[in-house]
Amino acid sequence: MNLPSKIGLISGRGNFPLLIAQQIRKNFPGTLIYTAGFRKETNNYVRKYSEEFRVFDFGALGSAIDYFKSRGIEKSLIAGLISHKRLFDKNLRLDSVMQGILDGAKDKKADSILGGIASAMQSAGIELLSMLPVLEEHTAQEGILSQKQPGEAQKQDIEFGFSLAKELSRHDIGQTITVKDKCVVAVEALEGTDACILRSGRMAGPGIAVIKVAKLHQDLRFDLPVIGPRTIKNMKKVKAAAIAIEAEKTCIVDKPEVIRLADKYGISIAVIKP
């Protein structure tokens, strides 16, 4: 994959956009990064890897697009967490571009909103790119990553839950489910994976298996499944036994630290190819 001399990056929260910026700097040194973030919803550490770093009011998508256009940006990436629940804030002020996306969306699911953002950017002459080529060395490959192998109970839970998670993913509700004793404990919704894990522990106690998959028809431009050290730390809090993720479509942020923590806490990490 070749990147242009300039690329835009819409940065949300978490370490995922930071990883994207680091990979571009490492593997595409001739590409300058122009970052647009939204107030209280962006990782400020991306600034270190950016030629320019601008923060806009949450909901001011049109301003971010205008900024990219003013810098001659024709290709962009979007990465990181953005709080979906802020859409329910009655005091939220959206610009005409973002309001138009919400008004025109068939529903408020993540894919509908993100697809609308991609279309608005495309209309402005900015193409949203797939993240996978940039993240190739951080994409999970099939196998067991941890020292601890899944026990028989975890194997059964993973086998039981993986196909269910893939089937549920077609409805764009969430990427994660948790299972114990071949019973679905929780399905991720608006709260996100970390809160889903903690909620599962409160309900089912130790020994849950966490399963995170790509959507059945995953748009590789956005919302890829991601795990990182925080995922494992939250699993440790509830004494979860194992996590299964989908091969070739899941990004692992800080993979060495993820494996180190999993080994320290006795958590199994299985990478499954459907």
C-alpha atoms as a PDB file:
ATOM      1  CA  MET A   1       0.000   0.000   0.000  1.00  0.00           C
ATOM      2  CA  ASN A   2       1.203   3.500  -0.841  1.00  0.00           C
ATOM      3  CA  LEU A   3       0.059   6.578   1.038  1.00  0.00           C
ATOM      4  CA  PRO A   4       0.006  10.109  -0.376  1.00  0.00           C
ATOM      5  CA  SER A   5       2.348  12.841   0.811  1.00  0.00           C
ATOM      6  CA  LYS A   6      -0.443  14.152   3.075  1.00  0.00           C
ATOM      7  CA  ILE A   7      -3.125  12.218   4.926  1.00  0.00           C
ATOM      8  CA  GLY A   8      -5.907  13.253   7.263  1.00  0.00           C
ATOM      9  CA  LEU A   9      -6.589  11.458  10.532  1.00  0.00           C
ATOM     10  CA  ILE A  10      -9.824  11.867  12.469  1.00  0.00           C
ATOM     11  CA  SER A  11      -8.737  10.863  15.952  1.00  0.00           C
ATOM     12  CA  GLY A  12     -11.027   9.592  18.681  1.00  0.00           C
ATOM     13  CA  ARG A  13     -10.079   8.532  22.208  1.00  0.00           C
ATOM     14  CA  GLY A  14      -7.890   5.621  23.268  1.00  0.00           C
ATOM     15  CA  ASN A  15      -4.565   4.359  21.974  1.00  0.00           C
ATOM     16  CA  PHE A  16      -5.813   3.134  18.603  1.00  0.00           C
ATOM     17  CA  PRO A  17      -5.359   6.474  16.754  1.00  0.00           C
ATOM     18  CA  LEU A  18      -1.944   6.809  18.382  1.00  0.00           C
ATOM     19  CA  LEU A  19      -0.983   3.399  16.986  1.00  0.00           C
ATOM     20  CA  ILE A  20      -2.197   4.460  13.530  1.00  0.00           C
ATOM     21  CA  ALA A  21      -0.079   7.614  13.670  1.00  0.00           C
ATOM     22  CA  GLN A  22       2.970   5.680  14.885  1.00  0.00           C
ATOM     23  CA  GLN A  23       2.639   3.138  12.077  1.00  0.00           C
ATOM     24  CA  ILE A  24       2.357   5.837   9.428  1.00  0.00           C
ATOM     25  CA  ARG A  25       5.437   7.585  10.790  1.00  0.00           C
ATOM     26  CA  LYS A  26       7.346   4.282  10.905  1.00  0.00           C
ATOM     27  CA  ASN A  27       6.319   2.708   7.591  1.00  0.00           C
ATOM     28  CA  PHE A  28       5.401   5.743   5.487  1.00  0.00           C
ATOM     29  CA  PRO A  29       7.951   8.395   6.526  1.00  0.00           C
ATOM     30  CA  GLY A  30       7.170  10.535   3.482  1.00  0.00           C
ATOM     31  CA  THR A  31       3.543  10.997   4.572  1.00  0.00           C
ATOM     32  CA  LEU A  32       2.597  13.985   6.721  1.00  0.00           C
ATOM     33  CA  ILE A  33      -0.331  13.523   9.126  1.00  0.00           C
ATOM     34  CA  TYR A  34      -2.939  16.257   9.577  1.00  0.00           C
ATOM     35  CA  THR A  35      -5.063  15.349  12.587  1.00  0.00           C
ATOM     36  CA  ALA A  36      -8.571  16.522  13.375  1.00  0.00           C
ATOM     37  CA  GLY A  37     -10.011  15.691  16.773  1.00  0.00           C
ATOM     38  CA  PHE A  38     -13.097  16.667  18.731  1.00  0.00           C
ATOM     39  CA  ARG A  39     -13.123  18.243  22.159  1.00  0.00           C
ATOM     40  CA  LYS A  40     -13.042  15.617  24.969  1.00  0.00           C
ATOM     41  CA  GLU A  41     -13.088  12.872  22.321  1.00  0.00           C
ATOM     42  CA  THR A  42      -9.532  12.730  21.016  1.00  0.00           C
ATOM     43  CA  ASN A  43      -6.124  11.385  22.012  1.00  0.00           C
ATOM     44  CA  ASN A  44      -3.883  14.437  22.392  1.00  0.00           C
ATOM     45  CA  TYR A  45      -0.725  12.314  22.228  1.00  0.00           C
ATOM     46  CA  VAL A  46      -1.309  11.961  18.476  1.00  0.00           C
ATOM     47  CA  ARG A  47      -0.060  15.549  18.296  1.00  0.00           C
ATOM     48  CA  LYS A  48       3.523  14.271  18.568  1.00  0.00           C
ATOM     49  CA  TYR A  49       3.225  12.472  15.222  1.00  0.00           C
ATOM     50  CA  SER A  50       1.180  15.111  13.420  1.00  0.00           C
ATOM     51  CA  GLU A  51       2.312  17.864  11.085  1.00  0.00           C
ATOM     52  CA  GLU A  52      -0.724  19.746  12.374  1.00  0.00           C
ATOM     53  CA  PHE A  53      -3.197  18.910  15.129  1.00  0.00           C
ATOM     54  CA  ARG A  54      -6.560  20.673  15.337  1.00  0.00           C
ATOM     55  CA  VAL A  55      -9.360  20.155  17.843  1.00  0.00           C
ATOM     56  CA  PHE A  56     -12.941  21.086  16.989  1.00  0.00           C
ATOM     57  CA  ASP A  57     -16.153  21.183  18.976  1.00  0.00           C
ATOM     58  CA  PHE A  58     -17.866  17.806  19.176  1.00  0.00           C
ATOM     59  CA  GLY A  59     -20.314  17.650  16.287  1.00  0.00           C
ATOM     60  CA  ALA A  60     -18.428  20.125  14.086  1.00  0.00           C
ATOM     61  CA  LEU A  61     -17.697  17.635  11.320  1.00  0.00           C
ATOM     62  CA  GLY A  62     -18.046  20.287   8.626  1.00  0.00           C
ATOM     63  CA  SER A  63     -15.240  22.291  10.225  1.00  0.00           C
ATOM     64  CA  ALA A  64     -12.980  19.233  10.244  1.00  0.00           C
ATOM     65  CA  ILE A  65     -13.745  18.560   6.573  1.00  0.00           C
ATOM     66  CA  ASP A  66     -13.075  22.211   5.690  1.00  0.00           C
ATOM     67  CA  TYR A  67      -9.773  21.995   7.566  1.00  0.00           C
ATOM     68  CA  PHE A  68      -8.706  18.947   5.552  1.00  0.00           C
ATOM     69  CA  LYS A  69      -9.713  20.627   2.298  1.00  0.00           C
ATOM     70  CA  SER A  70      -7.722  23.760   3.200  1.00  0.00           C
ATOM     71  CA  ARG A  71      -4.645  21.566   3.601  1.00  0.00           C
ATOM     72  CA  GLY A  72      -5.130  19.739   0.301  1.00  0.00           C
ATOM     73  CA  ILE A  73      -6.054  16.442   1.984  1.00  0.00           C
ATOM     74  CA  GLU A  74      -7.629  13.918  -0.400  1.00  0.00           C
ATOM     75  CA  LYS A  75      -7.224  10.728   1.681  1.00  0.00           C
ATOM     76  CA  SER A  76      -8.074  10.178   5.328  1.00  0.00           C
ATOM     77  CA  LEU A  77      -8.353   7.602   8.095  1.00  0.00           C
ATOM     78  CA  ILE A  78     -10.700   7.530  11.074  1.00  0.00           C
ATOM     79  CA  ALA A  79      -9.782   5.736  14.301  1.00  0.00           C
ATOM     80  CA  GLY A  80     -10.512   5.671  18.009  1.00  0.00           C
ATOM     81  CA  LEU A  81     -13.427   5.759  20.401  1.00  0.00           C
ATOM     82  CA  ILE A  82     -16.080   8.437  20.111  1.00  0.00           C
ATOM     83  CA  SER A  83     -18.827   8.402  22.710  1.00  0.00           C
ATOM     84  CA  HIS A  84     -21.994   7.322  20.928  1.00  0.00           C
ATOM     85  CA  LYS A  85     -24.055   8.180  24.003  1.00  0.00           C
ATOM     86  CA  ARG A  86     -23.321  11.891  23.529  1.00  0.00           C
ATOM     87  CA  LEU A  87     -25.895  11.816  20.756  1.00  0.00           C
ATOM     88  CA  PHE A  88     -28.502  11.722  23.538  1.00  0.00           C
ATOM     89  CA  ASP A  89     -27.190  14.952  25.088  1.00  0.00           C
ATOM     90  CA  LYS A  90     -29.989  17.505  24.671  1.00  0.00           C
ATOM     91  CA  ASN A  91     -27.427  20.322  24.849  1.00  0.00           C
ATOM     92  CA  LEU A  92     -25.299  18.892  22.025  1.00  0.00           C
ATOM     93  CA  ARG A  93     -24.801  21.348  19.183  1.00  0.00           C
ATOM     94  CA  LEU A  94     -24.207  19.833  15.753  1.00  0.00           C
ATOM     95  CA  ASP A  95     -23.153  21.687  12.655  1.00  0.00           C
ATOM     96  CA  SER A  96     -25.221  21.409   9.472  1.00  0.00           C
ATOM     97  CA  VAL A  97     -23.064  18.609   8.054  1.00  0.00           C
ATOM     98  CA  MET A  98     -23.352  16.360  11.119  1.00  0.00           C
ATOM     99  CA  GLN A  99     -27.011  17.210  11.621  1.00  0.00           C
ATOM    100  CA  GLY A 100     -27.678  16.310   8.004  1.00  0.00           C
ATOM    101  CA  ILE A 101     -25.990  12.927   8.492  1.00  0.00           C
ATOM    102  CA  LEU A 102     -28.138  12.136  11.538  1.00  0.00           C
ATOM    103  CA  ASP A 103     -31.318  13.375   9.878  1.00  0.00           C
ATOM    104  CA  GLY A 104     -30.631  11.275   6.787  1.00  0.00           C
ATOM    105  CA  ALA A 105     -29.515   8.103   8.564  1.00  0.00           C
ATOM    106  CA  LYS A 106     -31.944   5.205   8.568  1.00  0.00           C
ATOM    107  CA  ASP A 107     -31.067   4.622  12.241  1.00  0.00           C
ATOM    108  CA  LYS A 108     -28.457   5.632  14.806  1.00  0.00           C
ATOM    109  CA  LYS A 109     -26.336   2.481  14.607  1.00  0.00           C
ATOM    110  CA  ALA A 110     -22.573   2.951  14.393  1.00  0.00           C
ATOM    111  CA  ASP A 111     -22.332   1.798  10.770  1.00  0.00           C
ATOM    112  CA  SER A 112     -25.148   4.109   9.683  1.00  0.00           C
ATOM    113  CA  ILE A 113     -23.512   7.154  11.282  1.00  0.00           C
ATOM    114  CA  LEU A 114     -19.965   6.282  10.221  1.00  0.00           C
ATOM    115  CA  GLY A 115     -21.164   5.472   6.725  1.00  0.00           C
ATOM    116  CA  GLY A 116     -22.802   8.901   6.602  1.00  0.00           C
ATOM    117  CA  ILE A 117     -19.542  10.512   7.690  1.00  0.00           C
ATOM    118  CA  ALA A 118     -17.675   8.627   4.965  1.00  0.00           C
ATOM    119  CA  SER A 119     -20.220   9.770   2.360  1.00  0.00           C
ATOM    120  CA  ALA A 120     -19.982  13.403   3.505  1.00  0.00           C
ATOM    121  CA  MET A 121     -16.199  13.256   3.234  1.00  0.00           C
ATOM    122  CA  GLN A 122     -16.405  11.614  -0.182  1.00  0.00           C
ATOM    123  CA  SER A 123     -18.730  14.379  -1.373  1.00  0.00           C
ATOM    124  CA  ALA A 124     -16.077  16.873  -0.275  1.00  0.00           C
ATOM    125  CA  GLY A 125     -13.430  15.031  -2.302  1.00  0.00           C
ATOM    126  CA  ILE A 126     -11.843  13.171   0.620  1.00  0.00           C
ATOM    127  CA  GLU A 127     -11.621   9.370   0.427  1.00  0.00           C
ATOM    128  CA  LEU A 128     -11.770   7.384   3.657  1.00  0.00           C
ATOM    129  CA  LEU A 129      -9.211   4.552   3.506  1.00  0.00           C
ATOM    130  CA  SER A 130      -9.145   1.068   5.020  1.00  0.00           C
ATOM    131  CA  MET A 131      -7.009   0.853   8.164  1.00  0.00           C
ATOM    132  CA  LEU A 132      -5.877  -2.762   7.734  1.00  0.00           C
ATOM    133  CA  PRO A 133      -2.898  -2.125   5.405  1.00  0.00           C
ATOM    134  CA  VAL A 134      -1.508   0.425   7.883  1.00  0.00           C
ATOM    135  CA  LEU A 135      -1.992  -2.003  10.783  1.00  0.00           C
ATOM    136  CA  GLU A 136      -0.784  -5.204   9.153  1.00  0.00           C
ATOM    137  CA  GLU A 137       1.839  -6.061  11.776  1.00  0.00           C
ATOM    138  CA  HIS A 138      -0.651  -5.423  14.603  1.00  0.00           C
ATOM    139  CA  THR A 139      -3.457  -7.561  13.188  1.00  0.00           C
ATOM    140  CA  ALA A 140      -4.132 -10.781  15.122  1.00  0.00           C
ATOM    141  CA  GLN A 141      -3.176 -14.031  13.383  1.00  0.00           C
ATOM    142  CA  GLU A 142      -4.760 -17.411  14.071  1.00  0.00           C
ATOM    143  CA  GLY A 143      -3.492 -19.313  17.098  1.00  0.00           C
ATOM    144  CA  ILE A 144      -3.094 -19.131  20.881  1.00  0.00           C
ATOM    145  CA  LEU A 145      -1.153 -16.023  21.905  1.00  0.00           C
ATOM    146  CA  SER A 146      -0.933 -16.701  25.634  1.00  0.00           C
ATOM    147  CA  GLN A 147       1.026 -19.286  27.596  1.00  0.00           C
ATOM    148  CA  LYS A 148      -2.203 -20.541  29.136  1.00  0.00           C
ATOM    149  CA  GLN A 149      -4.278 -22.659  26.795  1.00  0.00           C
ATOM    150  CA  PRO A 150      -8.065 -22.412  27.024  1.00  0.00           C
ATOM    151  CA  GLY A 151      -9.428 -25.157  29.290  1.00  0.00           C
ATOM    152  CA  GLU A 152     -12.138 -27.503  28.115  1.00  0.00           C
ATOM    153  CA  ALA A 153     -14.877 -25.300  29.555  1.00  0.00           C
ATOM    154  CA  GLN A 154     -13.448 -22.225  27.817  1.00  0.00           C
ATOM    155  CA  LYS A 155     -13.108 -24.099  24.519  1.00  0.00           C
ATOM    156  CA  GLN A 156     -16.773 -25.036  24.684  1.00  0.00           C
ATOM    157  CA  ASP A 157     -17.794 -21.494  25.587  1.00  0.00           C
ATOM    158  CA  ILE A 158     -15.737 -20.039  22.727  1.00  0.00           C
ATOM    159  CA  GLU A 159     -17.091 -22.537  20.217  1.00  0.00           C
ATOM    160  CA  PHE A 160     -20.627 -21.886  21.444  1.00  0.00           C
ATOM    161  CA  GLY A 161     -20.266 -18.110  21.472  1.00  0.00           C
ATOM    162  CA  PHE A 162     -18.198 -17.325  18.398  1.00  0.00           C
ATOM    163  CA  SER A 163     -20.870 -18.149  15.816  1.00  0.00           C
ATOM    164  CA  LEU A 164     -23.474 -16.368  17.944  1.00  0.00           C
ATOM    165  CA  ALA A 165     -21.302 -13.261  18.097  1.00  0.00           C
ATOM    166  CA  LYS A 166     -20.866 -13.314  14.310  1.00  0.00           C
ATOM    167  CA  GLU A 167     -24.597 -13.697  13.789  1.00  0.00           C
ATOM    168  CA  LEU A 168     -25.388 -10.865  16.210  1.00  0.00           C
ATOM    169  CA  SER A 169     -22.794  -8.679  14.490  1.00  0.00           C
ATOM    170  CA  ARG A 170     -24.951  -8.421  11.372  1.00  0.00           C
ATOM    171  CA  HIS A 171     -27.342  -6.278  13.433  1.00  0.00           C
ATOM    172  CA  ASP A 172     -24.587  -3.754  14.363  1.00  0.00           C
ATOM    173  CA  ILE A 173     -25.400  -3.822  18.078  1.00  0.00           C
ATOM    174  CA  GLY A 174     -21.899  -4.520  19.366  1.00  0.00           C
ATOM    175  CA  GLN A 175     -18.801  -6.590  18.636  1.00  0.00           C
ATOM    176  CA  THR A 176     -18.519  -8.386  21.972  1.00  0.00           C
ATOM    177  CA  ILE A 177     -20.461 -11.029  23.846  1.00  0.00           C
ATOM    178  CA  THR A 178     -19.545 -12.859  27.042  1.00  0.00           C
ATOM    179  CA  VAL A 179     -20.302 -16.500  27.757  1.00  0.00           C
ATOM    180  CA  LYS A 180     -20.160 -18.834  30.749  1.00  0.00           C
ATOM    181  CA  ASP A 181     -21.201 -22.486  30.788  1.00  0.00           C
ATOM    182  CA  LYS A 182     -22.536 -22.095  27.221  1.00  0.00           C
ATOM    183  CA  CYS A 183     -24.881 -19.324  28.349  1.00  0.00           C
ATOM    184  CA  VAL A 184     -24.687 -15.805  26.921  1.00  0.00           C
ATOM    185  CA  VAL A 185     -24.061 -13.539  29.900  1.00  0.00           C
ATOM    186  CA  ALA A 186     -23.991 -10.164  28.155  1.00  0.00           C
ATOM    187  CA  VAL A 187     -24.057  -8.534  24.738  1.00  0.00           C
ATOM    188  CA  GLU A 188     -22.133  -5.315  24.206  1.00  0.00           C
ATOM    189  CA  ALA A 189     -24.329  -2.331  23.414  1.00  0.00           C
ATOM    190  CA  LEU A 190     -23.785   1.406  23.724  1.00  0.00           C
ATOM    191  CA  GLU A 191     -21.523   1.083  26.774  1.00  0.00           C
ATOM    192  CA  GLY A 192     -18.588  -0.530  24.923  1.00  0.00           C
ATOM    193  CA  THR A 193     -16.463  -3.635  25.468  1.00  0.00           C
ATOM    194  CA  ASP A 194     -14.851  -2.656  28.778  1.00  0.00           C
ATOM    195  CA  ALA A 195     -18.161  -1.919  30.481  1.00  0.00           C
ATOM    196  CA  CYS A 196     -19.648  -5.095  29.003  1.00  0.00           C
ATOM    197  CA  ILE A 197     -16.837  -7.149  30.567  1.00  0.00           C
ATOM    198  CA  LEU A 198     -17.278  -5.518  33.982  1.00  0.00           C
ATOM    199  CA  ARG A 199     -21.056  -5.950  33.822  1.00  0.00           C
ATOM    200  CA  SER A 200     -20.604  -9.634  32.968  1.00  0.00           C
ATOM    201  CA  GLY A 201     -18.380 -10.186  35.974  1.00  0.00           C
ATOM    202  CA  ARG A 202     -20.954  -8.665  38.292  1.00  0.00           C
ATOM    203  CA  MET A 203     -23.635 -10.968  36.913  1.00  0.00           C
ATOM    204  CA  ALA A 204     -21.812 -14.254  36.399  1.00  0.00           C
ATOM    205  CA  GLY A 205     -18.717 -14.120  38.596  1.00  0.00           C
ATOM    206  CA  PRO A 206     -15.330 -15.661  37.691  1.00  0.00           C
ATOM    207  CA  GLY A 207     -14.684 -17.761  34.614  1.00  0.00           C
ATOM    208  CA  ILE A 208     -16.409 -15.898  31.800  1.00  0.00           C
ATOM    209  CA  ALA A 209     -15.130 -16.078  28.222  1.00  0.00           C
ATOM    210  CA  VAL A 210     -15.046 -12.828  26.247  1.00  0.00           C
ATOM    211  CA  ILE A 211     -15.615 -13.075  22.490  1.00  0.00           C
ATOM    212  CA  LYS A 212     -14.961 -10.141  20.180  1.00  0.00           C
ATOM    213  CA  VAL A 213     -15.511 -10.332  16.420  1.00  0.00           C
ATOM    214  CA  ALA A 214     -15.626  -8.187  13.318  1.00  0.00           C
ATOM    215  CA  LYS A 215     -19.056  -7.449  11.953  1.00  0.00           C
ATOM    216  CA  LEU A 216     -20.372  -9.919   9.411  1.00  0.00           C
ATOM    217  CA  HIS A 217     -19.954  -7.371   6.632  1.00  0.00           C
ATOM    218  CA  GLN A 218     -17.250  -5.284   8.285  1.00  0.00           C
ATOM    219  CA  ASP A 219     -16.439  -1.984   6.591  1.00  0.00           C
ATOM    220  CA  LEU A 220     -12.653  -1.974   6.870  1.00  0.00           C
ATOM    221  CA  ARG A 221     -12.559   1.833   6.865  1.00  0.00           C
ATOM    222  CA  PHE A 222     -13.849   2.132  10.425  1.00  0.00           C
ATOM    223  CA  ASP A 223     -14.892   0.464  13.669  1.00  0.00           C
ATOM    224  CA  LEU A 224     -12.461  -2.465  13.488  1.00  0.00           C
ATOM    225  CA  PRO A 225     -12.458  -4.644  16.620  1.00  0.00           C
ATOM    226  CA  VAL A 226      -9.574  -3.644  18.887  1.00  0.00           C
ATOM    227  CA  ILE A 227      -8.194  -5.018  22.143  1.00  0.00           C
ATOM    228  CA  GLY A 228      -5.360  -3.707  24.269  1.00  0.00           C
ATOM    229  CA  PRO A 229      -3.868  -3.821  27.765  1.00  0.00           C
ATOM    230  CA  ARG A 230      -6.985  -2.196  29.238  1.00  0.00           C
ATOM    231  CA  THR A 231      -9.071  -5.107  27.925  1.00  0.00           C
ATOM    232  CA  ILE A 232      -6.935  -7.607  29.833  1.00  0.00           C
ATOM    233  CA  LYS A 233      -6.870  -5.458  32.974  1.00  0.00           C
ATOM    234  CA  ASN A 234     -10.674  -5.325  33.018  1.00  0.00           C
ATOM    235  CA  MET A 235     -10.835  -9.083  32.489  1.00  0.00           C
ATOM    236  CA  LYS A 236      -8.539  -9.511  35.474  1.00  0.00           C
ATOM    237  CA  LYS A 237     -10.881  -7.385  37.624  1.00  0.00           C
ATOM    238  CA  VAL A 238     -13.718  -9.861  37.061  1.00  0.00           C
ATOM    239  CA  LYS A 239     -11.478 -12.977  36.969  1.00  0.00           C
ATOM    240  CA  ALA A 240     -12.410 -13.748  33.357  1.00  0.00           C
ATOM    241  CA  ALA A 241     -10.825 -16.924  32.007  1.00  0.00           C
ATOM    242  CA  ALA A 242     -10.323 -16.344  28.283  1.00  0.00           C
ATOM    243  CA  ILE A 243     -10.794 -14.023  25.352  1.00  0.00           C
ATOM    244  CA  ALA A 244     -11.344 -15.083  21.743  1.00  0.00           C
ATOM    245  CA  ILE A 245     -10.844 -12.596  18.914  1.00  0.00           C
ATOM    246  CA  GLU A 246     -11.225 -12.866  15.157  1.00  0.00           C
ATOM    247  CA  ALA A 247      -8.118 -13.523  13.070  1.00  0.00           C
ATOM    248  CA  GLU A 248      -6.977 -11.003  10.437  1.00  0.00           C
ATOM    249  CA  LYS A 249      -9.618  -8.415  11.339  1.00  0.00           C
ATOM    250  CA  THR A 250      -8.794  -7.592  14.972  1.00  0.00           C
ATOM    251  CA  CYS A 251      -6.108  -5.096  15.945  1.00  0.00           C
ATOM    252  CA  ILE A 252      -4.062  -5.630  19.103  1.00  0.00           C
ATOM    253  CA  VAL A 253      -2.749  -2.387  20.589  1.00  0.00           C
ATOM    254  CA  ASP A 254       0.595  -2.955  22.375  1.00  0.00           C
ATOM    255  CA  LYS A 255       0.619  -6.682  21.684  1.00  0.00           C
ATOM    256  CA  PRO A 256       3.679  -7.497  23.858  1.00  0.00           C
ATOM    257  CA  GLU A 257       2.021  -5.867  26.874  1.00  0.00           C
ATOM    258  CA  VAL A 258      -1.298  -7.596  26.166  1.00  0.00           C
ATOM    259  CA  ILE A 259       0.429 -10.988  26.146  1.00  0.00           C
ATOM    260  CA  ARG A 260       2.530 -10.148  29.219  1.00  0.00           C
ATOM    261  CA  LEU A 261      -0.560  -9.183  31.214  1.00  0.00           C
ATOM    262  CA  ALA A 262      -2.510 -12.225  30.026  1.00  0.00           C
ATOM    263  CA  ASP A 263       0.321 -14.509  31.111  1.00  0.00           C
ATOM    264  CA  LYS A 264       0.629 -12.706  34.451  1.00  0.00           C
ATOM    265  CA  TYR A 265      -3.096 -13.057  35.178  1.00  0.00           C
ATOM    266  CA  GLY A 266      -3.548 -16.558  33.744  1.00  0.00           C
ATOM    267  CA  ILE A 267      -5.877 -15.453  30.935  1.00  0.00           C
ATOM    268  CA  SER A 268      -6.046 -17.342  27.638  1.00  0.00           C
ATOM    269  CA  ILE A 269      -6.028 -15.441  24.341  1.00  0.00           C
ATOM    270  CA  ALA A 270      -7.328 -17.406  21.352  1.00  0.00           C
ATOM    271  CA  VAL A 271      -7.344 -15.986  17.816  1.00  0.00           C
ATOM    272  CA  ILE A 272     -10.024 -17.712  15.743  1.00  0.00           C
ATOM    273  CA  LYS A 273     -10.410 -17.820  11.982  1.00  0.00           C
ATOM    274  CA  PRO A 274     -14.105 -18.270  11.081  1.00  0.00           C
END
